[in-house]
């Protein structure tokens, strides 16, 4: 018995941790970061003490819950930078980030710093922004992306897509891909486009001329 007890405890601890992370991903994904730690504990079927023993702060839980999303975001921009077709790389970022955005509202909130006290993704965000700027600059130079595109436009697209997380899980990816097709068509360089209104200044940096 003594020999098997530690192993059983380790197994229970891992199961509880997995249940907490699964609950956090589900609730953060649909409701954003306003979800409380107690709500997550209740949804996971564990006591608050168990949750706080594994994740002492909400920031710890958010970071652990979004590891996969951060990896996915990094892969999206790396693939776009590696694409020899500038427009295809830009479209890849728009479509894949919107799908990621639709599936997990909490990750979008954290990544955009909507809740800076909950978690800080500053370094990852700055890396992603630099990559998006580089891909957009190439697409503009190739004559494929409208020349008045600025970084604000990318943020506006993400913010406008927040409602997609309210659709059913089965519908989100399809809705995000259709939305991305509409967005991409509007961002494509064309002599039929009229000038855009001034950018609201949500992000101070713009695509360099």
N, C-alpha and C. Protein backbone atom coordinates (compact mmCIF):
# COMPACT_ATOMS: atom_id res chain seq x y z
N UNK A 1 0.81 -1.22 0.00
CA UNK A 1 0.00 0.00 0.00
C UNK A 1 0.84 1.26 0.00
N UNK A 2 1.85 1.39 0.90
CA UNK A 2 2.66 2.60 0.90
C UNK A 2 3.31 2.88 -0.44
N UNK A 3 3.70 1.84 -1.16
CA UNK A 3 4.39 2.04 -2.44
C UNK A 3 3.45 2.58 -3.50
N UNK A 4 2.17 2.20 -3.45
CA UNK A 4 1.23 2.62 -4.49
C UNK A 4 0.56 3.95 -4.16
N UNK A 5 0.57 4.35 -2.91
CA UNK A 5 -0.13 5.57 -2.51
C UNK A 5 0.42 6.82 -3.21
N UNK A 6 1.75 7.07 -3.23
CA UNK A 6 2.26 8.25 -3.92
C UNK A 6 1.89 8.28 -5.39
N UNK A 7 1.93 7.11 -6.03
CA UNK A 7 1.58 7.05 -7.44
C UNK A 7 0.11 7.42 -7.65
N UNK A 8 -0.76 6.93 -6.75
CA UNK A 8 -2.18 7.25 -6.86
C UNK A 8 -2.41 8.74 -6.66
N UNK A 9 -1.67 9.34 -5.71
CA UNK A 9 -1.80 10.77 -5.47
C UNK A 9 -1.34 11.57 -6.69
N UNK A 10 -0.22 11.14 -7.28
CA UNK A 10 0.26 11.84 -8.47
C UNK A 10 -0.76 11.74 -9.60
N UNK A 11 -1.38 10.56 -9.74
CA UNK A 11 -2.38 10.36 -10.78
C UNK A 11 -3.60 11.25 -10.55
N UNK A 12 -4.03 11.35 -9.29
CA UNK A 12 -5.17 12.20 -8.96
C UNK A 12 -4.84 13.68 -9.23
N UNK A 13 -3.63 14.08 -8.86
CA UNK A 13 -3.23 15.46 -9.05
C UNK A 13 -3.21 15.82 -10.54
N UNK A 14 -2.69 14.92 -11.36
CA UNK A 14 -2.65 15.16 -12.80
C UNK A 14 -4.06 15.23 -13.37
N UNK A 15 -4.93 14.34 -12.90
CA UNK A 15 -6.30 14.34 -13.39
C UNK A 15 -7.00 15.65 -13.04
N UNK A 16 -6.79 16.11 -11.80
CA UNK A 16 -7.39 17.37 -11.39
C UNK A 16 -6.86 18.54 -12.21
N UNK A 17 -5.56 18.53 -12.45
CA UNK A 17 -4.96 19.61 -13.25
C UNK A 17 -5.53 19.60 -14.67
N UNK A 18 -5.65 18.42 -15.25
CA UNK A 18 -6.19 18.32 -16.60
C UNK A 18 -7.64 18.79 -16.65
N UNK A 19 -8.41 18.47 -15.61
CA UNK A 19 -9.81 18.89 -15.57
C UNK A 19 -9.92 20.41 -15.44
N UNK A 20 -9.05 20.99 -14.64
CA UNK A 20 -9.06 22.45 -14.47
C UNK A 20 -8.70 23.13 -15.79
N UNK A 21 -7.66 22.64 -16.46
CA UNK A 21 -7.25 23.24 -17.73
C UNK A 21 -8.34 23.10 -18.79
N UNK A 22 -8.98 21.94 -18.84
CA UNK A 22 -10.06 21.74 -19.80
C UNK A 22 -11.21 22.70 -19.54
N UNK A 23 -11.56 22.87 -18.26
CA UNK A 23 -12.63 23.79 -17.90
C UNK A 23 -12.25 25.23 -18.23
N UNK A 24 -11.00 25.59 -17.94
CA UNK A 24 -10.54 26.95 -18.21
C UNK A 24 -10.57 27.24 -19.72
N UNK A 25 -10.09 26.30 -20.52
CA UNK A 25 -10.09 26.51 -21.97
C UNK A 25 -11.51 26.68 -22.49
N UNK A 26 -12.44 25.87 -21.97
CA UNK A 26 -13.82 25.95 -22.43
C UNK A 26 -14.46 27.28 -22.05
N UNK A 27 -14.33 27.67 -20.78
CA UNK A 27 -14.98 28.89 -20.31
C UNK A 27 -14.30 30.15 -20.84
N UNK A 28 -12.97 30.16 -20.86
CA UNK A 28 -12.26 31.30 -21.44
C UNK A 28 -12.61 31.43 -22.92
N UNK A 29 -12.70 30.28 -23.59
CA UNK A 29 -12.96 30.28 -25.02
C UNK A 29 -14.30 30.88 -25.39
N UNK A 30 -15.33 30.62 -24.59
CA UNK A 30 -16.67 31.11 -24.91
C UNK A 30 -17.00 32.44 -24.25
N UNK A 31 -16.47 32.68 -23.04
CA UNK A 31 -16.88 33.85 -22.25
C UNK A 31 -15.76 34.86 -22.04
N UNK A 32 -14.54 34.58 -22.50
CA UNK A 32 -13.44 35.50 -22.29
C UNK A 32 -12.88 35.42 -20.89
N UNK A 33 -12.05 36.39 -20.54
CA UNK A 33 -11.32 36.32 -19.28
C UNK A 33 -12.09 36.85 -18.08
N UNK A 34 -13.35 37.23 -18.28
CA UNK A 34 -14.15 37.66 -17.14
C UNK A 34 -14.56 36.49 -16.25
N UNK A 35 -14.41 35.28 -16.75
CA UNK A 35 -14.75 34.10 -15.96
C UNK A 35 -13.90 34.08 -14.69
N UNK A 36 -14.51 33.78 -13.57
CA UNK A 36 -13.79 33.77 -12.30
C UNK A 36 -13.14 32.41 -12.04
N UNK A 37 -12.18 32.42 -11.15
CA UNK A 37 -11.52 31.17 -10.76
C UNK A 37 -12.51 30.21 -10.11
N UNK A 38 -13.44 30.72 -9.33
CA UNK A 38 -14.45 29.86 -8.70
C UNK A 38 -15.36 29.21 -9.73
N UNK A 39 -15.70 29.96 -10.77
CA UNK A 39 -16.52 29.38 -11.84
C UNK A 39 -15.77 28.24 -12.52
N UNK A 40 -14.49 28.44 -12.74
CA UNK A 40 -13.68 27.39 -13.38
C UNK A 40 -13.58 26.17 -12.48
N UNK A 41 -13.35 26.38 -11.19
CA UNK A 41 -13.28 25.25 -10.26
C UNK A 41 -14.58 24.48 -10.25
N UNK A 42 -15.69 25.20 -10.21
CA UNK A 42 -17.00 24.54 -10.19
C UNK A 42 -17.23 23.75 -11.48
N UNK A 43 -16.85 24.36 -12.62
CA UNK A 43 -17.04 23.68 -13.91
C UNK A 43 -16.15 22.44 -14.02
N UNK A 44 -14.99 22.50 -13.39
CA UNK A 44 -14.06 21.36 -13.42
C UNK A 44 -14.42 20.28 -12.41
N UNK A 45 -15.31 20.62 -11.47
CA UNK A 45 -15.69 19.66 -10.44
C UNK A 45 -14.64 19.49 -9.36
N UNK A 46 -13.88 20.56 -9.09
CA UNK A 46 -12.86 20.52 -8.04
C UNK A 46 -13.12 21.69 -7.08
N UNK A 47 -12.55 21.60 -5.91
CA UNK A 47 -12.68 22.69 -4.96
C UNK A 47 -11.73 23.83 -5.29
N UNK A 48 -12.06 25.05 -4.86
CA UNK A 48 -11.17 26.19 -5.10
C UNK A 48 -9.75 25.96 -4.58
N UNK A 49 -9.62 25.26 -3.44
CA UNK A 49 -8.29 25.00 -2.88
C UNK A 49 -7.46 24.16 -3.83
N UNK A 50 -8.09 23.20 -4.48
CA UNK A 50 -7.38 22.35 -5.45
C UNK A 50 -6.92 23.18 -6.64
N UNK A 51 -7.78 24.07 -7.12
CA UNK A 51 -7.42 24.91 -8.25
C UNK A 51 -6.24 25.82 -7.89
N UNK A 52 -6.33 26.48 -6.74
CA UNK A 52 -5.27 27.43 -6.36
C UNK A 52 -3.96 26.72 -6.01
N UNK A 53 -4.05 25.47 -5.62
CA UNK A 53 -2.82 24.73 -5.35
C UNK A 53 -2.05 24.49 -6.65
N UNK A 54 -2.77 24.27 -7.72
CA UNK A 54 -2.15 24.03 -9.03
C UNK A 54 -1.81 25.34 -9.74
N UNK A 55 -2.70 26.35 -9.59
CA UNK A 55 -2.54 27.62 -10.29
C UNK A 55 -2.79 28.74 -9.28
N UNK A 56 -1.75 29.22 -8.61
CA UNK A 56 -1.91 30.20 -7.53
C UNK A 56 -2.58 31.51 -7.97
N UNK A 57 -2.39 31.90 -9.24
CA UNK A 57 -2.99 33.14 -9.73
C UNK A 57 -3.72 32.87 -11.04
N UNK A 58 -4.60 33.80 -11.40
CA UNK A 58 -5.32 33.67 -12.66
C UNK A 58 -4.36 33.75 -13.84
N UNK A 59 -3.32 34.57 -13.70
CA UNK A 59 -2.32 34.67 -14.78
C UNK A 59 -1.66 33.32 -15.03
N UNK A 60 -1.37 32.57 -13.96
CA UNK A 60 -0.77 31.24 -14.12
C UNK A 60 -1.70 30.33 -14.92
N UNK A 61 -2.99 30.40 -14.60
CA UNK A 61 -3.96 29.54 -15.29
C UNK A 61 -4.12 29.95 -16.75
N UNK A 62 -4.17 31.25 -17.01
CA UNK A 62 -4.32 31.74 -18.38
C UNK A 62 -3.14 31.30 -19.23
N UNK A 63 -1.94 31.46 -18.69
CA UNK A 63 -0.74 31.06 -19.45
C UNK A 63 -0.77 29.57 -19.78
N UNK A 64 -1.11 28.75 -18.79
CA UNK A 64 -1.14 27.30 -19.00
C UNK A 64 -2.23 26.92 -20.00
N UNK A 65 -3.37 27.61 -19.92
CA UNK A 65 -4.50 27.27 -20.78
C UNK A 65 -4.23 27.62 -22.24
N UNK A 66 -3.38 28.65 -22.47
CA UNK A 66 -3.20 29.16 -23.83
C UNK A 66 -1.87 28.77 -24.47
N UNK A 67 -1.18 27.79 -23.91
CA UNK A 67 0.09 27.35 -24.50
C UNK A 67 -0.11 26.93 -25.95
N UNK A 68 -1.13 26.14 -26.22
CA UNK A 68 -1.36 25.66 -27.57
C UNK A 68 -1.69 26.80 -28.53
N UNK A 69 -2.49 27.77 -28.04
CA UNK A 69 -2.86 28.90 -28.89
C UNK A 69 -1.65 29.76 -29.24
N UNK A 70 -0.75 29.95 -28.27
CA UNK A 70 0.46 30.72 -28.54
C UNK A 70 1.32 30.03 -29.59
N UNK A 71 1.45 28.71 -29.47
CA UNK A 71 2.21 27.94 -30.46
C UNK A 71 1.56 28.05 -31.84
N UNK A 72 0.22 27.98 -31.86
CA UNK A 72 -0.49 28.07 -33.14
C UNK A 72 -0.31 29.44 -33.77
N UNK A 73 -0.38 30.48 -32.95
CA UNK A 73 -0.20 31.86 -33.46
C UNK A 73 1.20 32.03 -34.03
N UNK A 74 2.19 31.49 -33.31
CA UNK A 74 3.57 31.58 -33.77
C UNK A 74 3.74 30.86 -35.11
N UNK A 75 3.13 29.70 -35.24
CA UNK A 75 3.24 28.93 -36.48
C UNK A 75 2.59 29.65 -37.65
N UNK A 76 1.47 30.32 -37.38
CA UNK A 76 0.76 31.05 -38.45
C UNK A 76 1.66 32.12 -39.05
N UNK A 77 2.28 32.93 -38.21
CA UNK A 77 3.10 34.03 -38.75
C UNK A 77 4.39 33.51 -39.36
N UNK A 78 4.95 32.44 -38.80
CA UNK A 78 6.17 31.86 -39.38
C UNK A 78 5.89 31.33 -40.78
N UNK A 79 4.76 30.62 -40.93
CA UNK A 79 4.39 30.08 -42.24
C UNK A 79 4.14 31.21 -43.24
N UNK A 80 3.51 32.29 -42.77
CA UNK A 80 3.23 33.42 -43.67
C UNK A 80 4.53 34.08 -44.14
N UNK A 81 5.47 34.24 -43.22
CA UNK A 81 6.75 34.85 -43.59
C UNK A 81 7.52 33.97 -44.58
N UNK A 82 7.36 32.66 -44.45
CA UNK A 82 8.11 31.73 -45.30
C UNK A 82 7.49 31.58 -46.69
N UNK A 83 6.24 32.00 -46.85
CA UNK A 83 5.55 31.84 -48.14
C UNK A 83 6.17 32.78 -49.17
N UNK A 84 6.50 32.25 -50.32
CA UNK A 84 7.13 33.05 -51.37
C UNK A 84 6.11 33.96 -52.08
N UNK A 85 4.83 33.68 -51.89
CA UNK A 85 3.78 34.52 -52.47
C UNK A 85 3.29 35.48 -51.39
N UNK A 86 3.61 36.78 -51.48
CA UNK A 86 3.27 37.73 -50.41
C UNK A 86 1.78 37.80 -50.11
N UNK A 87 0.95 37.79 -51.14
CA UNK A 87 -0.50 37.90 -50.93
C UNK A 87 -1.03 36.63 -50.26
N UNK A 88 -0.55 35.49 -50.70
CA UNK A 88 -1.00 34.23 -50.09
C UNK A 88 -0.59 34.18 -48.62
N UNK A 89 0.61 34.66 -48.32
CA UNK A 89 1.05 34.70 -46.93
C UNK A 89 0.17 35.62 -46.09
N UNK A 90 -0.18 36.78 -46.64
CA UNK A 90 -1.04 37.71 -45.92
C UNK A 90 -2.42 37.10 -45.69
N UNK A 91 -2.98 36.48 -46.71
CA UNK A 91 -4.30 35.85 -46.58
C UNK A 91 -4.27 34.72 -45.55
N UNK A 92 -3.16 34.01 -45.50
CA UNK A 92 -3.01 32.93 -44.51
C UNK A 92 -3.12 33.48 -43.09
N UNK A 93 -2.47 34.61 -42.84
CA UNK A 93 -2.55 35.21 -41.51
C UNK A 93 -3.98 35.61 -41.19
N UNK A 94 -4.65 36.29 -42.11
CA UNK A 94 -6.01 36.75 -41.86
C UNK A 94 -6.93 35.57 -41.56
N UNK A 95 -6.92 34.56 -42.41
CA UNK A 95 -7.84 33.43 -42.24
C UNK A 95 -7.53 32.64 -40.96
N UNK A 96 -6.28 32.27 -40.76
CA UNK A 96 -5.95 31.40 -39.65
C UNK A 96 -6.08 32.12 -38.30
N UNK A 97 -5.72 33.39 -38.24
CA UNK A 97 -5.87 34.12 -36.99
C UNK A 97 -7.35 34.31 -36.66
N UNK A 98 -8.18 34.53 -37.67
CA UNK A 98 -9.61 34.67 -37.41
C UNK A 98 -10.23 33.36 -36.93
N UNK A 99 -9.78 32.25 -37.47
CA UNK A 99 -10.27 30.95 -36.99
C UNK A 99 -9.85 30.75 -35.53
N UNK A 100 -8.59 31.07 -35.23
CA UNK A 100 -8.10 30.96 -33.85
C UNK A 100 -8.88 31.89 -32.93
N UNK A 101 -9.15 33.10 -33.40
CA UNK A 101 -9.90 34.09 -32.65
C UNK A 101 -11.32 33.59 -32.34
N UNK A 102 -11.96 33.00 -33.33
CA UNK A 102 -13.34 32.54 -33.15
C UNK A 102 -13.43 31.39 -32.16
N UNK A 103 -12.42 30.55 -32.15
CA UNK A 103 -12.45 29.37 -31.28
C UNK A 103 -12.15 29.70 -29.83
N UNK A 104 -11.46 30.80 -29.58
CA UNK A 104 -11.06 31.08 -28.20
C UNK A 104 -11.06 32.58 -27.92
N UNK A 105 -12.19 33.05 -27.38
CA UNK A 105 -12.32 34.47 -27.08
C UNK A 105 -11.33 34.92 -26.01
N UNK A 106 -11.09 34.06 -25.03
CA UNK A 106 -10.17 34.41 -23.95
C UNK A 106 -8.77 34.66 -24.45
N UNK A 107 -8.31 33.84 -25.39
CA UNK A 107 -6.97 34.04 -25.94
C UNK A 107 -6.89 35.37 -26.66
N UNK A 108 -7.93 35.71 -27.41
CA UNK A 108 -7.94 37.00 -28.09
C UNK A 108 -7.88 38.14 -27.10
N UNK A 109 -8.67 38.05 -26.03
CA UNK A 109 -8.66 39.09 -25.00
C UNK A 109 -7.26 39.26 -24.42
N UNK A 110 -6.64 38.14 -24.07
CA UNK A 110 -5.31 38.20 -23.45
C UNK A 110 -4.27 38.71 -24.44
N UNK A 111 -4.33 38.23 -25.67
CA UNK A 111 -3.33 38.59 -26.65
C UNK A 111 -3.41 40.06 -27.03
N UNK A 112 -4.63 40.60 -27.04
CA UNK A 112 -4.81 42.00 -27.39
C UNK A 112 -4.68 42.92 -26.19
N UNK A 113 -4.33 42.34 -25.04
CA UNK A 113 -4.17 43.12 -23.81
C UNK A 113 -5.46 43.78 -23.36
N UNK A 114 -6.60 43.15 -23.66
CA UNK A 114 -7.86 43.69 -23.17
C UNK A 114 -7.93 43.56 -21.65
N UNK A 115 -7.18 42.61 -21.12
CA UNK A 115 -7.17 42.38 -19.68
C UNK A 115 -5.71 42.33 -19.20
N UNK A 116 -5.01 43.46 -19.20
CA UNK A 116 -3.58 43.45 -18.91
C UNK A 116 -3.24 42.96 -17.50
N UNK A 117 -4.19 43.03 -16.56
CA UNK A 117 -3.89 42.57 -15.21
C UNK A 117 -3.95 41.05 -15.10
N UNK A 118 -4.57 40.41 -16.08
CA UNK A 118 -4.73 38.96 -16.00
C UNK A 118 -3.51 38.22 -16.51
N UNK A 119 -2.93 38.70 -17.58
CA UNK A 119 -1.77 38.02 -18.16
C UNK A 119 -1.09 38.99 -19.13
N UNK A 120 0.19 38.81 -19.30
CA UNK A 120 0.94 39.71 -20.18
C UNK A 120 1.58 38.91 -21.30
N UNK A 121 1.09 39.14 -22.52
CA UNK A 121 1.64 38.47 -23.69
C UNK A 121 2.42 39.47 -24.54
N UNK A 122 3.02 40.48 -23.89
CA UNK A 122 3.63 41.58 -24.63
C UNK A 122 4.69 41.09 -25.63
N UNK A 123 5.59 40.23 -25.19
CA UNK A 123 6.68 39.79 -26.06
C UNK A 123 6.13 39.03 -27.27
N UNK A 124 5.19 38.12 -27.01
CA UNK A 124 4.61 37.35 -28.12
C UNK A 124 3.84 38.26 -29.06
N UNK A 125 3.14 39.23 -28.50
CA UNK A 125 2.36 40.15 -29.32
C UNK A 125 3.27 40.99 -30.21
N UNK A 126 4.38 41.48 -29.65
CA UNK A 126 5.30 42.31 -30.43
C UNK A 126 5.92 41.50 -31.56
N UNK A 127 6.26 40.24 -31.30
CA UNK A 127 6.80 39.38 -32.36
C UNK A 127 5.78 39.20 -33.48
N UNK A 128 4.52 38.96 -33.09
CA UNK A 128 3.47 38.76 -34.09
C UNK A 128 3.23 40.02 -34.90
N UNK A 129 3.24 41.17 -34.24
CA UNK A 129 3.01 42.44 -34.93
C UNK A 129 4.12 42.69 -35.95
N UNK A 130 5.36 42.44 -35.55
CA UNK A 130 6.48 42.63 -36.48
C UNK A 130 6.31 41.75 -37.71
N UNK A 131 5.88 40.51 -37.49
CA UNK A 131 5.70 39.59 -38.61
C UNK A 131 4.55 40.04 -39.51
N UNK A 132 3.46 40.48 -38.91
CA UNK A 132 2.31 40.94 -39.71
C UNK A 132 2.70 42.16 -40.54
N UNK A 133 3.43 43.08 -39.93
CA UNK A 133 3.90 44.27 -40.66
C UNK A 133 4.78 43.85 -41.84
N UNK A 134 5.68 42.91 -41.63
CA UNK A 134 6.58 42.47 -42.70
C UNK A 134 5.81 41.82 -43.83
N UNK A 135 4.86 40.95 -43.50
CA UNK A 135 4.07 40.27 -44.52
C UNK A 135 3.20 41.28 -45.28
N UNK A 136 2.59 42.23 -44.55
CA UNK A 136 1.75 43.23 -45.19
C UNK A 136 2.57 44.14 -46.12
N UNK A 137 3.78 44.51 -45.67
CA UNK A 137 4.64 45.36 -46.49
C UNK A 137 4.98 44.66 -47.82
N UNK A 138 5.28 43.38 -47.74
CA UNK A 138 5.59 42.62 -48.96
C UNK A 138 4.37 42.58 -49.90
N UNK A 139 3.18 42.37 -49.31
CA UNK A 139 1.96 42.27 -50.12
C UNK A 139 1.62 43.62 -50.76
N UNK A 140 1.88 44.72 -50.04
CA UNK A 140 1.66 46.05 -50.62
C UNK A 140 2.65 46.29 -51.76
N UNK A 141 3.91 45.96 -51.52
CA UNK A 141 4.94 46.16 -52.55
C UNK A 141 4.66 45.33 -53.80
N UNK A 142 4.00 44.18 -53.61
CA UNK A 142 3.67 43.32 -54.75
C UNK A 142 2.42 43.79 -55.48
N UNK A 143 1.77 44.83 -54.95
CA UNK A 143 0.57 45.36 -55.58
C UNK A 143 -0.66 44.53 -55.31
N UNK A 144 -0.60 43.65 -54.31
CA UNK A 144 -1.73 42.76 -54.02
C UNK A 144 -2.62 43.28 -52.90
N UNK A 145 -2.01 43.92 -51.89
CA UNK A 145 -2.75 44.46 -50.75
C UNK A 145 -2.94 45.96 -50.93
N UNK A 146 -4.13 46.45 -50.62
CA UNK A 146 -4.40 47.88 -50.80
C UNK A 146 -3.36 48.71 -50.04
N UNK A 147 -2.91 49.78 -50.66
CA UNK A 147 -1.76 50.52 -50.14
C UNK A 147 -2.07 51.32 -48.89
N UNK A 148 -3.36 51.54 -48.59
CA UNK A 148 -3.71 52.31 -47.40
C UNK A 148 -3.98 51.42 -46.18
N UNK A 149 -3.65 50.14 -46.28
CA UNK A 149 -3.80 49.24 -45.14
C UNK A 149 -2.81 49.65 -44.04
N UNK A 150 -3.32 49.71 -42.80
CA UNK A 150 -2.47 49.98 -41.64
C UNK A 150 -2.75 48.92 -40.59
N UNK A 151 -1.90 48.86 -39.58
CA UNK A 151 -2.02 47.83 -38.55
C UNK A 151 -3.34 47.93 -37.80
N UNK A 152 -3.85 49.14 -37.66
CA UNK A 152 -5.17 49.32 -37.04
C UNK A 152 -6.23 48.45 -37.71
N UNK A 153 -6.12 48.30 -39.03
CA UNK A 153 -7.13 47.54 -39.76
C UNK A 153 -7.15 46.09 -39.31
N UNK A 154 -5.99 45.55 -39.02
CA UNK A 154 -5.92 44.16 -38.55
C UNK A 154 -6.61 44.02 -37.20
N UNK A 155 -6.38 44.99 -36.30
CA UNK A 155 -7.01 44.96 -34.99
C UNK A 155 -8.53 45.12 -35.11
N UNK A 156 -8.97 46.00 -36.01
CA UNK A 156 -10.41 46.19 -36.22
C UNK A 156 -11.06 44.90 -36.68
N UNK A 157 -10.38 44.19 -37.58
CA UNK A 157 -10.89 42.91 -38.07
C UNK A 157 -11.05 41.92 -36.91
N UNK A 158 -10.04 41.85 -36.02
CA UNK A 158 -10.13 40.94 -34.88
C UNK A 158 -11.25 41.34 -33.93
N UNK A 159 -11.36 42.63 -33.64
CA UNK A 159 -12.39 43.08 -32.72
C UNK A 159 -13.79 42.83 -33.30
N UNK A 160 -13.94 43.03 -34.59
CA UNK A 160 -15.24 42.82 -35.23
C UNK A 160 -15.63 41.34 -35.24
N UNK A 161 -14.65 40.47 -35.14
CA UNK A 161 -14.91 39.02 -35.20
C UNK A 161 -15.24 38.43 -33.84
N UNK A 162 -15.24 39.23 -32.78
CA UNK A 162 -15.44 38.69 -31.44
C UNK A 162 -16.77 37.95 -31.31
N UNK A 163 -17.78 38.42 -32.03
CA UNK A 163 -19.09 37.79 -31.93
C UNK A 163 -19.14 36.37 -32.46
N UNK A 164 -18.14 35.97 -33.25
CA UNK A 164 -18.14 34.62 -33.79
C UNK A 164 -18.03 33.57 -32.69
N UNK A 165 -17.44 33.94 -31.55
CA UNK A 165 -17.30 32.97 -30.47
C UNK A 165 -18.65 32.65 -29.84
N UNK A 166 -19.69 33.41 -30.17
CA UNK A 166 -21.02 33.15 -29.63
C UNK A 166 -21.79 32.13 -30.46
N UNK A 167 -21.27 31.76 -31.61
CA UNK A 167 -21.90 30.71 -32.39
C UNK A 167 -21.53 29.36 -31.79
N UNK A 168 -22.18 28.29 -32.26
CA UNK A 168 -21.86 26.97 -31.74
C UNK A 168 -20.45 26.58 -32.15
N UNK A 169 -19.87 25.67 -31.40
CA UNK A 169 -18.49 25.25 -31.69
C UNK A 169 -18.35 24.71 -33.10
N UNK A 170 -19.37 24.00 -33.57
CA UNK A 170 -19.32 23.42 -34.91
C UNK A 170 -19.37 24.49 -36.00
N UNK A 171 -19.97 25.64 -35.69
CA UNK A 171 -20.14 26.69 -36.69
C UNK A 171 -18.98 27.68 -36.75
N UNK A 172 -18.19 27.75 -35.68
CA UNK A 172 -17.22 28.84 -35.56
C UNK A 172 -16.19 28.87 -36.68
N UNK A 173 -15.57 27.73 -36.97
CA UNK A 173 -14.52 27.71 -37.99
C UNK A 173 -15.09 28.08 -39.35
N UNK A 174 -16.28 27.55 -39.68
CA UNK A 174 -16.88 27.88 -40.98
C UNK A 174 -17.22 29.37 -41.06
N UNK A 175 -17.78 29.89 -39.97
CA UNK A 175 -18.13 31.32 -39.96
C UNK A 175 -16.88 32.18 -40.07
N UNK A 176 -15.81 31.78 -39.38
CA UNK A 176 -14.57 32.55 -39.42
C UNK A 176 -13.96 32.53 -40.81
N UNK A 177 -14.02 31.41 -41.50
CA UNK A 177 -13.45 31.33 -42.85
C UNK A 177 -14.26 32.18 -43.83
N UNK A 178 -15.58 32.18 -43.67
CA UNK A 178 -16.39 33.01 -44.56
C UNK A 178 -16.13 34.49 -44.28
N UNK A 179 -16.06 34.83 -43.02
CA UNK A 179 -15.76 36.21 -42.64
C UNK A 179 -14.40 36.63 -43.19
N UNK A 180 -13.41 35.74 -43.08
CA UNK A 180 -12.07 36.07 -43.57
C UNK A 180 -12.09 36.29 -45.08
N UNK A 181 -12.92 35.52 -45.81
CA UNK A 181 -13.01 35.71 -47.26
C UNK A 181 -13.58 37.09 -47.59
N UNK A 182 -14.56 37.52 -46.80
CA UNK A 182 -15.13 38.86 -47.01
C UNK A 182 -14.09 39.94 -46.70
N UNK A 183 -13.34 39.75 -45.63
CA UNK A 183 -12.30 40.70 -45.24
C UNK A 183 -11.21 40.77 -46.31
N UNK A 184 -10.75 39.61 -46.74
CA UNK A 184 -9.68 39.55 -47.73
C UNK A 184 -10.10 40.24 -49.02
N UNK A 185 -11.35 40.06 -49.43
CA UNK A 185 -11.82 40.71 -50.65
C UNK A 185 -11.79 42.23 -50.50
N UNK A 186 -12.09 42.72 -49.30
CA UNK A 186 -12.06 44.15 -49.07
C UNK A 186 -10.65 44.73 -48.97
N UNK A 187 -9.68 43.87 -48.63
CA UNK A 187 -8.30 44.33 -48.48
C UNK A 187 -7.48 44.17 -49.75
N UNK A 188 -8.03 43.45 -50.71
CA UNK A 188 -7.31 43.23 -51.97
C UNK A 188 -7.15 44.56 -52.72
N UNK A 189 -5.98 44.79 -53.28
CA UNK A 189 -5.75 46.01 -54.06
C UNK A 189 -6.66 46.03 -55.29
N UNK A 190 -7.35 47.15 -55.49
CA UNK A 190 -8.25 47.28 -56.63
C UNK A 190 -8.49 48.75 -56.93
N UNK A 191 -8.57 49.09 -58.21
CA UNK A 191 -8.85 50.48 -58.56
C UNK A 191 -10.31 50.84 -58.32
N UNK A 192 -11.12 49.84 -57.93
CA UNK A 192 -12.53 50.10 -57.62
C UNK A 192 -12.72 50.56 -56.19
N UNK A 193 -11.69 50.40 -55.34
CA UNK A 193 -11.81 50.82 -53.95
C UNK A 193 -11.74 52.33 -53.82
N UNK A 194 -12.62 52.87 -52.99
CA UNK A 194 -12.50 54.27 -52.61
C UNK A 194 -11.55 54.38 -51.43
N UNK A 195 -11.16 55.59 -51.05
CA UNK A 195 -10.25 55.76 -49.92
C UNK A 195 -10.93 55.37 -48.61
N UNK A 196 -10.14 54.84 -47.68
CA UNK A 196 -10.65 54.48 -46.37
C UNK A 196 -10.76 55.72 -45.48
N UNK A 197 -11.70 55.73 -44.54
CA UNK A 197 -11.72 56.81 -43.54
C UNK A 197 -10.45 56.74 -42.70
N UNK A 198 -10.12 57.81 -41.98
CA UNK A 198 -8.92 57.79 -41.15
C UNK A 198 -8.95 56.65 -40.13
N UNK A 199 -7.78 56.06 -39.86
CA UNK A 199 -7.68 55.00 -38.86
C UNK A 199 -7.92 55.59 -37.47
N UNK A 200 -8.55 54.84 -36.59
CA UNK A 200 -8.87 55.38 -35.27
C UNK A 200 -7.69 55.52 -34.32
N UNK A 201 -6.54 54.97 -34.69
CA UNK A 201 -5.36 55.09 -33.83
C UNK A 201 -5.34 54.10 -32.68
N UNK A 202 -5.89 52.91 -32.88
CA UNK A 202 -5.88 51.89 -31.85
C UNK A 202 -4.47 51.38 -31.60
N UNK A 203 -3.69 51.29 -32.67
CA UNK A 203 -2.28 50.89 -32.58
C UNK A 203 -1.48 52.02 -33.20
N UNK A 204 -0.52 52.58 -32.48
CA UNK A 204 0.19 53.76 -32.99
C UNK A 204 1.03 53.50 -34.23
N UNK A 205 1.59 52.29 -34.36
CA UNK A 205 2.46 52.02 -35.50
C UNK A 205 1.63 51.67 -36.73
N UNK A 206 2.09 52.13 -37.89
CA UNK A 206 1.42 51.83 -39.16
C UNK A 206 2.40 51.11 -40.06
N UNK A 207 1.90 50.61 -41.15
CA UNK A 207 2.77 49.96 -42.12
C UNK A 207 3.70 51.03 -42.71
N UNK A 208 5.02 50.88 -42.56
CA UNK A 208 5.93 51.92 -43.03
C UNK A 208 5.87 52.10 -44.54
N UNK A 209 5.97 53.35 -44.96
CA UNK A 209 5.93 53.64 -46.39
C UNK A 209 7.29 53.53 -47.03
